[in-house]
Amino acid sequence: MGGQDGVETLGFSPWSFWESASDEAKQSQRERLLALAERGDRTFAEDAFVADTAAVDNDVLHLGERSYIAAGAYLTGELIAGSDCSINPYTVIRGRVRLGAGVRIGAHTSLLGFNHSMEPGTPVFRQPLTSKGIVVDDDVWIGSHVVILDGVMVGAHSVLAAGAVVTKDVPSGAIVGGNPAKFIRWRVAPAEAATHRSRDLAIRLREFAEHARADAETILARAWDAESGVYSDRPGVDPSLRAHCDAVEVARLLLPGAPPQLTSHQHRARLAATQRPDGRIPSPGVHSAPGKPFDDADAAYHVLSVGYAIDLLRGQLPHAVSEATRMTPADISGFCESLPWRTDPWDAGHRVDALGTALHWALRSGHSVLPGAVESLLGWLTTRADSRTGMWGDAASGGDLLLLVNGAYRTTRGTYAQFGIPLPHPTATIDTVLEHSANEAYFTAETYDACNVLDVVHPLWLTRETGHRSDETQAVARRMLEHTLTMWAPTRGFAFRLQDSAEQGRCGLQGTEMWLAIIWYLADILGESQPLGYRPRGVHRPEPAVRITRSGVHIMGW
């Protein structure tokens, strides 16, 4: 855009570019954005702006409405910026950085979302880079010559004074300054900040859901192989039955109908055809010989995923799962006793989940279930639950609480949650889950994965009405939710391991479906799920699917 002093000036003061620039300059800017969008994973709002002299070398760059990058700025790595963000002259943004809406960054400021390791014995330039990332929430003013280091989270409505070196998280509403930056005073007092935070969270949830809906068809198309007519979790991996089911779930969350690659009838027919007459649903091309009940892990999970996908398409499994429907109450007790609760409570819970779900499908579709079967399953679990942990199995299995908590999620999802029965020891469950959620091996921005987070969030949601340690539960939910909302990858969704969402090839249907459900649960714990405009209805539905009362079996709706 060089050649005219006025145009060059707008590169340094671009906030008025789209109102003040000539038609020729505007066309040149549009061409620049189109050229930038062709390299890497980059999207620009129609009224975004990138100065000609800004050095843009991002692998991932998404610039929201009315956001701009001024002259002399230098950007690398991954930057996702919301609306009304200003990246002023000579700003440096490197590594992994997420900006909310209305983030104003002064000139000569550096946001460094990466670091070098510096172990002795090896020159620093030969050592690997690390990246925790930087997250800046909405309505933040970052002064000139500020430095923000890797791993920092800056809360909404805060101010970072000119020259500050920010090494630690900044609370919402705080004004900080100095080297290292320290608290000066409140811009927004904590009580007022809490009100702002609730209102801002509702806005962020609504905007997140709008972006997700806008991207949904692209995400589904990305996973569809038109030549072979099947779904894969993501491009470059083998097709799978699970991926087809996840596609249906994602569509049911975000779109008015089935995935558009097939009609609802075609989806139902393809999924129903995967079930054998004995009720087993092995992976395509896999011979699953009868053995111990639900010993084929994939076939056991397909009882959930295929069953609920067909259910969301307003159909039902064509056959009863005979592994479950032929079991007498004594068989079910023996089955539960035989499971490896002490050594692998996750595997035990996985198989109980499949059994409970198979019984529930039979009841919903009118197939016969032997009298006392469901009562035997729930009775065995209730009498064997550990009153100290609220769970099943040995707390020392695996060396920490991971297998115990994850196994309890699978155990309760297909039984207590699916049948609308309260957990036997809810306060002990909360205590165990909160202890587990403090383990940084699994619950930091760098280590979140969909299974581990869901397996914590679901029991906290089931037990929320007890009021036990509710402040701590909400703090955990808010921390997880606020970070998760920053990790959506436009047109790609989520990766199973949340941090991998920044990598172009890692986002897939499974991660997207699971994190969408997790976001709903986290928001609902905080009383803020309504702005999302969706509610899980499949495998991760919060409501019971069947209620058993003295008057009989009651089938619950969608």
Protein backbone atom coordinates (compact mmCIF):
# COMPACT_ATOMS: atom_id res chain seq x y z
CA MET A 1 0.00 0.00 0.00
CA GLY A 2 3.00 2.23 -0.33
CA GLY A 3 3.28 5.22 -2.57
CA GLN A 4 0.96 7.66 -0.82
CA ASP A 5 1.70 9.28 2.52
CA GLY A 6 -1.94 8.98 3.59
CA VAL A 7 -2.07 5.27 2.85
CA GLU A 8 1.24 4.67 4.62
CA THR A 9 -0.07 6.56 7.65
CA LEU A 10 -3.14 4.32 7.74
CA GLY A 11 -0.80 1.35 8.02
CA PHE A 12 0.33 2.76 11.36
CA SER A 13 -3.15 3.99 12.37
CA PRO A 14 -5.43 1.47 10.68
CA TRP A 15 -8.52 1.86 12.88
CA SER A 16 -10.03 4.22 10.28
CA PHE A 17 -8.76 2.43 7.18
CA TRP A 18 -12.08 1.10 5.87
CA GLU A 19 -13.71 4.52 6.30
CA SER A 20 -10.83 6.71 5.07
CA ALA A 21 -8.84 4.80 2.46
CA SER A 22 -9.35 5.14 -1.27
CA ASP A 23 -11.15 2.46 -3.26
CA GLU A 24 -7.82 1.49 -4.80
CA ALA A 25 -6.24 1.04 -1.35
CA LYS A 26 -9.22 -0.99 -0.14
CA GLN A 27 -8.97 -3.30 -3.14
CA SER A 28 -5.25 -3.70 -2.52
CA GLN A 29 -5.96 -4.66 1.09
CA ARG A 30 -8.55 -7.25 0.04
CA GLU A 31 -6.01 -8.78 -2.31
CA ARG A 32 -3.43 -8.86 0.47
CA LEU A 33 -5.81 -10.71 2.79
CA LEU A 34 -6.66 -13.21 0.04
CA ALA A 35 -2.97 -13.82 -0.60
CA LEU A 36 -2.27 -14.30 3.11
CA ALA A 37 -5.22 -16.69 3.45
CA GLU A 38 -3.71 -18.98 0.82
CA ARG A 39 -0.71 -19.79 3.02
CA GLY A 40 -1.35 -21.98 6.04
CA ASP A 41 -4.51 -22.12 8.15
CA ARG A 42 -5.62 -18.48 7.98
CA THR A 43 -8.97 -16.70 7.93
CA PHE A 44 -9.76 -12.99 8.02
CA ALA A 45 -13.01 -11.19 8.71
CA GLU A 46 -14.19 -9.04 5.83
CA ASP A 47 -13.31 -5.82 7.68
CA ALA A 48 -10.02 -7.00 9.20
CA PHE A 49 -6.78 -5.27 8.23
CA VAL A 50 -3.13 -6.32 7.88
CA ALA A 51 -0.58 -3.64 7.02
CA ASP A 52 1.72 -4.25 4.06
CA THR A 53 4.80 -3.91 6.25
CA ALA A 54 3.57 -6.33 8.94
CA ALA A 55 5.61 -9.55 8.85
CA VAL A 56 3.01 -12.34 9.01
CA ASP A 57 4.57 -15.81 9.24
CA ASN A 58 1.85 -17.66 11.17
CA ASP A 59 1.02 -21.30 10.67
CA VAL A 60 -2.43 -20.50 12.09
CA LEU A 61 -4.00 -17.03 12.00
CA HIS A 62 -7.65 -16.11 12.50
CA LEU A 63 -8.45 -12.40 12.70
CA GLY A 64 -11.94 -11.35 13.79
CA GLU A 65 -14.23 -8.52 12.77
CA ARG A 66 -12.70 -5.02 12.88
CA SER A 67 -9.37 -6.38 14.12
CA TYR A 68 -6.11 -5.14 12.66
CA ILE A 69 -2.38 -5.75 12.50
CA ALA A 70 -0.50 -2.48 12.10
CA ALA A 71 2.75 -1.65 10.35
CA GLY A 72 5.95 -3.27 11.54
CA ALA A 73 4.28 -5.99 13.59
CA TYR A 74 5.94 -9.44 13.58
CA LEU A 75 3.79 -12.56 14.02
CA THR A 76 4.67 -16.26 14.03
CA GLY A 77 3.11 -19.45 15.38
CA GLU A 78 -0.63 -19.51 16.11
CA LEU A 79 -2.75 -16.44 16.74
CA ILE A 80 -6.51 -16.51 17.10
CA ALA A 81 -7.93 -13.05 17.73
CA GLY A 82 -11.57 -12.13 18.33
CA SER A 83 -13.36 -9.00 17.19
CA ASP A 84 -12.11 -5.44 17.75
CA CYS A 85 -8.52 -6.40 18.55
CA SER A 86 -5.73 -3.96 17.81
CA ILE A 87 -2.16 -5.13 17.25
CA ASN A 88 -0.34 -1.85 17.03
CA PRO A 89 2.96 -0.94 15.33
CA TYR A 90 6.02 -3.09 16.02
CA THR A 91 4.15 -5.52 18.26
CA VAL A 92 5.65 -9.02 18.38
CA ILE A 93 3.32 -12.01 18.87
CA ARG A 94 4.93 -15.44 18.72
CA GLY A 95 4.06 -18.98 19.78
CA ARG A 96 0.47 -19.90 20.67
CA VAL A 97 -1.66 -16.88 21.58
CA ARG A 98 -5.44 -16.46 21.93
CA LEU A 99 -7.04 -13.02 22.19
CA GLY A 100 -10.66 -12.48 23.18
CA ALA A 101 -12.77 -9.60 21.91
CA GLY A 102 -11.73 -6.00 22.39
CA VAL A 103 -8.07 -6.63 23.24
CA ARG A 104 -6.01 -3.49 22.59
CA ILE A 105 -2.24 -3.98 22.36
CA GLY A 106 0.09 -0.95 22.43
CA ALA A 107 3.10 -0.44 20.21
CA HIS A 108 6.39 -2.29 20.78
CA THR A 109 4.72 -4.92 22.99
CA SER A 110 5.72 -8.62 22.95
CA LEU A 111 3.47 -11.62 23.61
CA LEU A 112 5.78 -14.64 23.68
CA GLY A 113 3.71 -17.82 23.78
CA PHE A 114 6.70 -20.15 23.66
CA ASN A 115 10.01 -20.71 25.44
CA HIS A 116 13.35 -22.50 25.15
CA SER A 117 14.34 -25.25 27.52
CA MET A 118 17.73 -24.43 29.02
CA GLU A 119 19.10 -27.57 30.60
CA PRO A 120 22.85 -27.46 31.29
CA GLY A 121 25.24 -29.30 29.00
CA THR A 122 23.59 -28.39 25.69
CA PRO A 123 23.69 -25.01 23.92
CA VAL A 124 20.34 -23.26 24.23
CA PHE A 125 19.93 -22.97 20.46
CA ARG A 126 20.04 -26.79 20.23
CA GLN A 127 17.38 -27.31 22.89
CA PRO A 128 13.70 -27.86 22.06
CA LEU A 129 11.02 -25.23 22.24
CA THR A 130 8.13 -25.53 24.67
CA SER A 131 4.76 -23.79 24.50
CA LYS A 132 2.08 -23.42 27.15
CA GLY A 133 0.42 -20.56 25.29
CA ILE A 134 -0.95 -17.17 26.29
CA VAL A 135 -4.67 -16.43 26.69
CA VAL A 136 -5.96 -12.87 26.95
CA ASP A 137 -9.65 -12.54 27.80
CA ASP A 138 -12.11 -9.89 26.55
CA ASP A 139 -11.77 -6.14 27.06
CA VAL A 140 -8.09 -5.95 27.99
CA TRP A 141 -5.80 -2.96 27.49
CA ILE A 142 -2.14 -3.87 27.10
CA GLY A 143 0.08 -0.79 27.14
CA SER A 144 3.15 -0.09 25.03
CA HIS A 145 6.44 -1.93 25.67
CA VAL A 146 4.72 -4.64 27.72
CA VAL A 147 6.18 -8.19 27.71
CA ILE A 148 3.89 -11.16 28.42
CA LEU A 149 5.65 -14.49 28.93
CA ASP A 150 4.54 -18.00 28.01
CA GLY A 151 1.86 -19.64 30.15
CA VAL A 152 0.15 -16.43 31.31
CA MET A 153 -3.62 -16.01 31.35
CA VAL A 154 -4.89 -12.41 31.44
CA GLY A 155 -8.40 -11.98 32.84
CA ALA A 156 -11.16 -9.88 31.31
CA HIS A 157 -11.37 -6.10 31.88
CA SER A 158 -7.78 -5.91 33.10
CA VAL A 159 -5.10 -3.33 32.27
CA LEU A 160 -1.37 -4.01 31.84
CA ALA A 161 0.51 -0.76 32.39
CA ALA A 162 3.16 0.38 29.91
CA GLY A 163 6.47 -1.39 30.36
CA ALA A 164 5.07 -4.21 32.52
CA VAL A 165 6.76 -7.62 32.40
CA VAL A 166 3.96 -10.10 33.04
CA THR A 167 5.14 -13.47 34.33
CA LYS A 168 2.01 -14.64 36.21
CA ASP A 169 -1.73 -14.77 35.59
CA VAL A 170 -3.60 -11.47 35.88
CA PRO A 171 -6.99 -11.57 37.68
CA SER A 172 -10.06 -10.25 35.90
CA GLY A 173 -10.48 -6.52 36.46
CA ALA A 174 -6.96 -5.92 37.82
CA ILE A 175 -4.50 -3.19 36.86
CA VAL A 176 -0.90 -4.43 37.04
CA GLY A 177 2.46 -2.87 36.28
CA GLY A 178 6.20 -3.07 36.89
CA ASN A 179 8.91 -5.70 36.40
CA PRO A 180 7.78 -8.24 37.37
CA ALA A 181 4.20 -7.00 37.10
CA LYS A 182 2.37 -6.56 40.40
CA PHE A 183 -1.16 -5.61 41.36
CA ILE A 184 -1.76 -1.83 41.51
CA ARG A 185 -5.52 -1.49 41.96
CA TRP A 186 -8.82 -2.72 40.60
CA ARG A 187 -10.23 -1.38 37.38
CA VAL A 188 -13.29 -3.54 38.04
CA ALA A 189 -13.74 -4.65 41.67
CA PRO A 190 -14.10 -8.42 42.24
CA ALA A 191 -17.83 -8.32 43.02
CA GLU A 192 -18.49 -6.22 39.93
CA ALA A 193 -16.06 -8.37 37.97
CA ALA A 194 -18.09 -11.46 38.88
CA THR A 195 -21.19 -9.82 37.41
CA HIS A 196 -19.24 -8.83 34.32
CA ARG A 197 -17.77 -12.32 34.13
CA SER A 198 -21.19 -13.99 34.15
CA ARG A 199 -22.49 -11.64 31.47
CA ASP A 200 -19.31 -11.98 29.42
CA LEU A 201 -19.39 -15.77 29.70
CA ALA A 202 -22.92 -15.88 28.34
CA ILE A 203 -21.82 -13.75 25.38
CA ARG A 204 -18.77 -15.93 24.77
CA LEU A 205 -20.85 -19.10 24.90
CA ARG A 206 -23.35 -17.69 22.43
CA GLU A 207 -20.60 -16.55 20.07
CA PHE A 208 -18.81 -19.89 20.39
CA ALA A 209 -21.96 -21.78 19.48
CA GLU A 210 -22.58 -19.48 16.52
CA HIS A 211 -19.06 -20.10 15.20
CA ALA A 212 -19.42 -23.85 15.76
CA ARG A 213 -22.69 -23.95 13.84
CA ALA A 214 -21.19 -21.95 11.00
CA ASP A 215 -18.30 -24.44 10.80
CA ALA A 216 -20.32 -27.64 11.28
CA GLU A 217 -20.93 -28.55 7.63
CA THR A 218 -17.27 -27.89 6.77
CA ILE A 219 -16.14 -30.11 9.65
CA LEU A 220 -18.42 -32.94 8.51
CA ALA A 221 -17.37 -32.58 4.87
CA ARG A 222 -13.72 -32.66 5.92
CA ALA A 223 -14.26 -36.10 7.47
CA TRP A 224 -16.23 -37.54 4.54
CA ASP A 225 -14.52 -39.46 1.76
CA ALA A 226 -16.83 -38.95 -1.19
CA GLU A 227 -15.07 -41.59 -3.29
CA SER A 228 -15.53 -44.42 -0.78
CA GLY A 229 -18.62 -42.95 0.87
CA VAL A 230 -17.46 -43.31 4.48
CA TYR A 231 -16.43 -41.12 7.40
CA SER A 232 -13.01 -40.93 9.02
CA ASP A 233 -12.34 -39.14 12.27
CA ARG A 234 -10.15 -36.69 10.33
CA PRO A 235 -8.33 -36.60 7.01
CA GLY A 236 -5.50 -39.09 6.71
CA VAL A 237 -6.80 -41.74 9.12
CA ASP A 238 -8.74 -44.92 8.38
CA PRO A 239 -12.55 -44.77 8.22
CA SER A 240 -14.41 -46.12 11.22
CA LEU A 241 -17.88 -46.86 12.47
CA ARG A 242 -17.21 -44.61 15.47
CA ALA A 243 -16.52 -41.70 13.08
CA HIS A 244 -19.89 -42.16 11.36
CA CYS A 245 -21.62 -42.10 14.75
CA ASP A 246 -19.67 -39.01 15.82
CA ALA A 247 -20.73 -37.29 12.58
CA VAL A 248 -24.37 -37.91 13.45
CA GLU A 249 -23.83 -36.61 16.99
CA VAL A 250 -22.07 -33.44 15.80
CA ALA A 251 -24.86 -32.76 13.31
CA ARG A 252 -27.53 -33.30 15.98
CA LEU A 253 -25.76 -30.77 18.24
CA LEU A 254 -25.16 -28.06 15.66
CA LEU A 255 -27.41 -28.57 12.62
CA PRO A 256 -31.16 -28.94 12.10
CA GLY A 257 -30.81 -32.39 10.56
CA ALA A 258 -28.54 -35.33 9.78
CA PRO A 259 -25.06 -34.93 8.28
CA PRO A 260 -25.76 -33.66 4.76
CA GLN A 261 -23.60 -36.26 3.00
CA LEU A 262 -26.51 -38.76 3.20
CA THR A 263 -30.22 -38.63 3.94
CA SER A 264 -31.44 -39.58 7.42
CA HIS A 265 -32.82 -42.83 6.00
CA GLN A 266 -29.46 -43.68 4.39
CA HIS A 267 -27.60 -42.96 7.62
CA ARG A 268 -30.01 -45.17 9.61
CA ALA A 269 -29.82 -48.01 7.09
CA ARG A 270 -26.02 -48.00 6.97
CA LEU A 271 -25.67 -47.98 10.74
CA ALA A 272 -28.37 -50.59 11.32
CA ALA A 273 -26.69 -52.92 8.79
CA THR A 274 -23.60 -53.10 11.01
CA GLN A 275 -25.47 -55.05 13.70
CA ARG A 276 -25.44 -58.85 13.51
CA PRO A 277 -28.57 -60.87 14.34
CA ASP A 278 -27.09 -61.78 17.75
CA GLY A 279 -26.87 -58.06 18.52
CA ARG A 280 -23.10 -57.67 18.34
CA ILE A 281 -21.74 -54.67 16.42
CA PRO A 282 -18.09 -55.42 15.56
CA SER A 283 -15.94 -53.02 13.60
CA PRO A 284 -16.36 -53.39 9.82
CA GLY A 285 -14.22 -56.24 8.51
CA VAL A 286 -13.50 -57.62 12.00
CA HIS A 287 -14.66 -61.11 12.93
CA SER A 288 -15.91 -60.95 16.51
CA ALA A 289 -16.35 -64.46 17.84
CA PRO A 290 -18.58 -64.95 20.89
CA GLY A 291 -16.61 -64.97 24.13
CA LYS A 292 -17.09 -63.41 27.52
CA PRO A 293 -19.84 -60.78 27.49
CA PHE A 294 -18.63 -57.49 26.02
CA ASP A 295 -14.99 -58.58 25.83
CA ASP A 296 -14.58 -56.98 22.37
CA ALA A 297 -13.91 -53.37 23.38
CA ASP A 298 -14.93 -51.83 20.05
CA ALA A 299 -18.09 -53.90 19.76
CA ALA A 300 -18.97 -53.00 23.36
CA TYR A 301 -18.61 -49.29 22.65
CA HIS A 302 -20.66 -49.63 19.46
CA VAL A 303 -23.62 -50.61 21.64
CA LEU A 304 -23.46 -46.99 22.82
CA SER A 305 -22.30 -45.12 19.72
CA VAL A 306 -24.31 -46.94 17.03
CA GLY A 307 -27.36 -47.26 19.24
CA TYR A 308 -27.50 -43.57 20.07
CA ALA A 309 -26.66 -42.47 16.51
CA ILE A 310 -29.63 -44.47 15.21
CA ASP A 311 -31.73 -43.11 18.07
CA LEU A 312 -30.84 -39.53 17.09
CA LEU A 313 -31.95 -40.39 13.55
CA ARG A 314 -35.33 -41.47 14.99
CA GLY A 315 -34.71 -45.18 14.58
CA GLN A 316 -33.65 -48.10 16.76
CA LEU A 317 -31.24 -51.00 16.69
CA PRO A 318 -32.82 -53.82 14.68
CA HIS A 319 -31.81 -56.56 17.12
CA ALA A 320 -31.59 -57.00 20.87
CA VAL A 321 -28.04 -57.44 22.21
CA SER A 322 -28.30 -61.04 23.29
CA GLU A 323 -25.14 -60.80 25.41
CA ALA A 324 -27.32 -58.74 27.76
CA THR A 325 -30.89 -59.92 27.24
CA ARG A 326 -30.08 -63.59 27.92
CA MET A 327 -28.51 -62.81 31.29
CA THR A 328 -30.38 -63.88 34.40
CA PRO A 329 -29.98 -61.84 37.60
CA ALA A 330 -27.51 -64.48 38.80
CA ASP A 331 -25.58 -64.18 35.52
CA ILE A 332 -25.36 -60.42 35.93
CA SER A 333 -24.07 -60.71 39.49
CA GLY A 334 -21.48 -63.25 38.36
CA PHE A 335 -20.51 -61.03 35.41
CA CYS A 336 -19.95 -58.05 37.71
CA GLU A 337 -17.98 -60.13 40.20
CA SER A 338 -15.68 -61.35 37.41
CA LEU A 339 -14.60 -57.88 36.26
CA PRO A 340 -11.14 -56.50 37.11
CA TRP A 341 -12.29 -53.80 39.54
CA ARG A 342 -9.11 -53.85 41.61
CA THR A 343 -6.60 -53.81 38.76
CA ASP A 344 -8.41 -52.04 35.91
CA PRO A 345 -11.62 -50.31 37.01
CA TRP A 346 -11.82 -48.53 33.64
CA ASP A 347 -12.13 -51.85 31.77
CA ALA A 348 -14.68 -53.03 34.31
CA GLY A 349 -16.69 -49.83 33.94
CA HIS A 350 -16.48 -50.01 30.15
CA ARG A 351 -18.14 -53.42 30.12
CA VAL A 352 -20.78 -52.45 32.69
CA ASP A 353 -21.59 -49.39 30.57
CA ALA A 354 -22.18 -51.64 27.55
CA LEU A 355 -24.32 -54.05 29.58
CA GLY A 356 -26.47 -51.29 31.05
CA THR A 357 -26.89 -49.64 27.65
CA ALA A 358 -27.80 -52.93 25.96
CA LEU A 359 -30.48 -53.56 28.60
CA HIS A 360 -31.79 -50.03 28.14
CA TRP A 361 -32.05 -50.49 24.34
CA ALA A 362 -33.99 -53.69 24.84
CA LEU A 363 -36.43 -51.98 27.21
CA ARG A 364 -36.87 -49.02 24.87
CA SER A 365 -37.53 -51.17 21.82
CA GLY A 366 -39.86 -53.67 23.49
CA HIS A 367 -37.48 -56.63 23.44
CA SER A 368 -37.75 -58.96 26.40
CA VAL A 369 -35.37 -58.63 29.33
CA LEU A 370 -35.35 -61.31 32.00
CA PRO A 371 -37.16 -60.19 35.18
CA GLY A 372 -34.85 -58.60 37.74
CA ALA A 373 -31.96 -58.07 35.31
CA VAL A 374 -31.68 -54.28 35.64
CA GLU A 375 -32.39 -54.44 39.37
CA SER A 376 -29.62 -57.01 39.76
CA LEU A 377 -27.13 -54.79 37.96
CA LEU A 378 -27.98 -51.68 39.93
CA GLY A 379 -28.23 -53.63 43.17
CA TRP A 380 -24.80 -55.20 42.74
CA LEU A 381 -23.22 -51.82 41.98
CA THR A 382 -24.95 -50.05 44.86
CA THR A 383 -23.88 -52.63 47.42
CA ARG A 384 -20.28 -52.71 46.12
CA ALA A 385 -19.66 -48.96 45.85
CA ASP A 386 -16.91 -47.82 48.21
CA SER A 387 -18.42 -45.32 50.66
CA ARG A 388 -15.00 -43.69 51.11
CA THR A 389 -14.53 -42.82 47.42
CA GLY A 390 -18.03 -43.18 45.96
CA MET A 391 -16.50 -45.46 43.35
CA TRP A 392 -15.72 -49.03 42.46
CA GLY A 393 -12.29 -50.61 42.70
CA ASP A 394 -8.97 -49.86 44.31
CA ALA A 395 -7.93 -46.21 44.62
CA ALA A 396 -4.31 -47.31 44.14
CA SER A 397 -4.91 -49.00 40.77
CA GLY A 398 -2.68 -47.34 38.20
CA GLY A 399 -0.76 -45.38 40.83
CA ASP A 400 -3.20 -42.43 41.01
CA LEU A 401 -6.96 -41.80 40.72
CA LEU A 402 -7.17 -41.80 36.91
CA LEU A 403 -8.40 -45.36 36.34
CA LEU A 404 -10.71 -45.19 39.37
CA VAL A 405 -12.43 -41.95 38.31
CA ASN A 406 -12.56 -42.79 34.61
CA GLY A 407 -13.90 -46.24 35.42
CA ALA A 408 -16.58 -44.73 37.67
CA TYR A 409 -17.73 -42.47 34.84
CA ARG A 410 -18.22 -45.45 32.52
CA THR A 411 -19.88 -47.44 35.29
CA THR A 412 -22.39 -44.72 36.15
CA ARG A 413 -23.05 -43.41 32.62
CA GLY A 414 -24.69 -46.61 31.45
CA THR A 415 -26.46 -47.34 34.72
CA TYR A 416 -27.31 -44.63 37.27
CA ALA A 417 -27.29 -41.75 34.78
CA GLN A 418 -29.02 -43.64 31.97
CA PHE A 419 -31.74 -44.99 34.27
CA GLY A 420 -32.18 -41.85 36.37
CA ILE A 421 -30.96 -43.33 39.66
CA PRO A 422 -29.02 -41.16 42.19
CA LEU A 423 -25.41 -42.14 42.85
CA PRO A 424 -24.99 -44.15 46.06
CA HIS A 425 -22.36 -41.92 47.73
CA PRO A 426 -22.52 -38.50 46.07
CA THR A 427 -20.44 -36.44 48.50
CA ALA A 428 -17.66 -39.03 48.52
CA THR A 429 -17.78 -38.99 44.71
CA ILE A 430 -17.32 -35.21 44.70
CA ASP A 431 -14.39 -35.44 47.13
CA THR A 432 -12.63 -38.04 44.98
CA VAL A 433 -13.25 -36.22 41.71
CA LEU A 434 -12.05 -32.86 43.04
CA GLU A 435 -8.90 -34.48 44.41
CA HIS A 436 -8.29 -36.05 41.02
CA SER A 437 -8.97 -32.79 39.15
CA ALA A 438 -6.01 -31.18 40.97
CA ASN A 439 -3.57 -33.63 39.35
CA GLU A 440 -1.55 -31.55 36.88
CA ALA A 441 -0.55 -34.67 34.97
CA TYR A 442 -4.06 -34.58 33.47
CA PHE A 443 -5.66 -31.21 34.20
CA THR A 444 -3.66 -28.31 32.83
CA ALA A 445 -3.89 -26.42 29.55
CA GLU A 446 -1.13 -28.67 28.21
CA THR A 447 -2.60 -31.99 29.38
CA TYR A 448 -6.41 -31.78 29.02
CA ASP A 449 -7.88 -34.57 26.93
CA ALA A 450 -11.53 -35.20 26.24
CA CYS A 451 -11.90 -38.47 28.16
CA ASN A 452 -10.17 -37.29 31.30
CA VAL A 453 -12.12 -34.02 31.43
CA LEU A 454 -15.48 -35.60 30.62
CA ASP A 455 -14.92 -38.28 33.26
CA VAL A 456 -14.51 -35.52 35.87
CA VAL A 457 -17.22 -33.17 34.65
CA HIS A 458 -19.99 -35.77 34.33
CA PRO A 459 -19.95 -36.94 37.98
CA LEU A 460 -19.69 -33.33 39.20
CA TRP A 461 -22.79 -32.55 37.13
CA LEU A 462 -24.68 -35.61 38.42
CA THR A 463 -23.98 -34.62 42.03
CA ARG A 464 -24.36 -30.84 41.71
CA GLU A 465 -27.65 -30.65 43.60
CA THR A 466 -26.02 -31.85 46.83
CA GLY A 467 -24.35 -28.43 47.18
CA HIS A 468 -21.28 -30.20 48.56
CA ARG A 469 -18.12 -28.14 47.81
CA SER A 470 -20.06 -26.26 45.14
CA ASP A 471 -17.68 -23.27 45.11
CA GLU A 472 -14.75 -25.57 44.35
CA THR A 473 -16.74 -27.43 41.72
CA GLN A 474 -17.67 -24.19 39.99
CA ALA A 475 -14.08 -22.95 40.12
CA VAL A 476 -12.91 -26.14 38.40
CA ALA A 477 -15.69 -25.85 35.82
CA ARG A 478 -14.95 -22.19 35.09
CA ARG A 479 -11.23 -22.78 34.68
CA MET A 480 -11.79 -25.66 32.27
CA LEU A 481 -14.54 -23.90 30.35
CA GLU A 482 -12.74 -20.60 29.83
CA HIS A 483 -9.70 -22.39 28.44
CA THR A 484 -11.68 -24.79 26.27
CA LEU A 485 -13.58 -21.95 24.60
CA THR A 486 -10.28 -20.51 23.39
CA MET A 487 -9.25 -23.73 21.65
CA TRP A 488 -11.87 -24.06 18.91
CA ALA A 489 -10.06 -24.29 15.58
CA PRO A 490 -12.17 -22.56 12.89
CA THR A 491 -13.42 -25.00 10.19
CA ARG A 492 -11.78 -27.92 12.06
CA GLY A 493 -13.32 -28.10 15.54
CA PHE A 494 -11.45 -29.71 18.41
CA ALA A 495 -8.73 -32.33 18.77
CA PHE A 496 -9.18 -35.10 21.33
CA ARG A 497 -6.15 -33.74 23.22
CA LEU A 498 -7.17 -30.13 23.54
CA GLN A 499 -3.76 -28.59 22.97
CA ASP A 500 -3.49 -30.47 19.65
CA SER A 501 -6.36 -28.37 18.28
CA ALA A 502 -3.67 -25.92 17.19
CA GLU A 503 -2.23 -28.53 14.82
CA GLN A 504 -4.00 -28.58 11.48
CA GLY A 505 -4.18 -32.36 11.11
CA ARG A 506 -5.29 -33.30 14.63
CA CYS A 507 -8.84 -31.96 14.91
CA GLY A 508 -11.48 -34.62 14.32
CA LEU A 509 -15.06 -35.72 14.85
CA GLN A 510 -14.43 -37.52 18.14
CA GLY A 511 -12.71 -34.56 19.77
CA THR A 512 -15.30 -32.14 18.42
CA GLU A 513 -18.27 -34.17 19.62
CA MET A 514 -16.81 -34.81 23.06
CA TRP A 515 -15.65 -31.23 23.71
CA LEU A 516 -19.01 -29.86 22.57
CA ALA A 517 -20.67 -32.07 25.19
CA ILE A 518 -18.07 -31.13 27.82
CA ILE A 519 -18.65 -27.43 27.17
CA TRP A 520 -22.37 -27.92 27.77
CA TYR A 521 -21.77 -29.75 31.07
CA LEU A 522 -19.26 -27.16 32.28
CA ALA A 523 -21.57 -24.30 31.34
CA ASP A 524 -24.55 -25.99 33.01
CA ILE A 525 -22.62 -26.47 36.26
CA LEU A 526 -22.16 -22.69 36.16
CA GLY A 527 -25.85 -22.13 35.28
CA GLU A 528 -24.89 -20.75 31.86
CA SER A 529 -25.72 -23.49 29.33
CA GLN A 530 -28.75 -21.77 27.76
CA PRO A 531 -26.75 -19.38 25.52
CA LEU A 532 -25.23 -22.40 23.76
CA GLY A 533 -28.57 -23.28 22.21
CA TYR A 534 -27.74 -26.99 22.15
CA ARG A 535 -27.90 -29.89 24.58
CA PRO A 536 -26.24 -33.32 24.23
CA ARG A 537 -28.78 -35.91 23.11
CA GLY A 538 -26.70 -38.96 22.28
CA VAL A 539 -24.09 -40.96 24.19
CA HIS A 540 -23.42 -37.96 26.44
CA ARG A 541 -27.03 -36.92 27.05
CA PRO A 542 -27.52 -35.56 30.59
CA GLU A 543 -31.10 -36.79 31.07
CA PRO A 544 -31.96 -40.41 31.79
CA ALA A 545 -33.05 -42.33 28.71
CA VAL A 546 -35.23 -44.77 30.67
CA ARG A 547 -36.83 -44.51 34.09
CA ILE A 548 -37.92 -47.59 35.99
CA THR A 549 -40.59 -47.00 38.63
CA ARG A 550 -43.14 -49.16 40.40
CA SER A 551 -45.57 -48.39 37.62
CA GLY A 552 -43.25 -49.72 34.93
CA VAL A 553 -40.68 -48.64 32.37
CA HIS A 554 -40.90 -45.07 31.13
CA ILE A 555 -39.15 -44.16 27.88
CA MET A 556 -37.79 -40.63 27.90
CA GLY A 557 -37.87 -38.40 24.81
CA TRP A 558 -35.11 -36.60 22.93
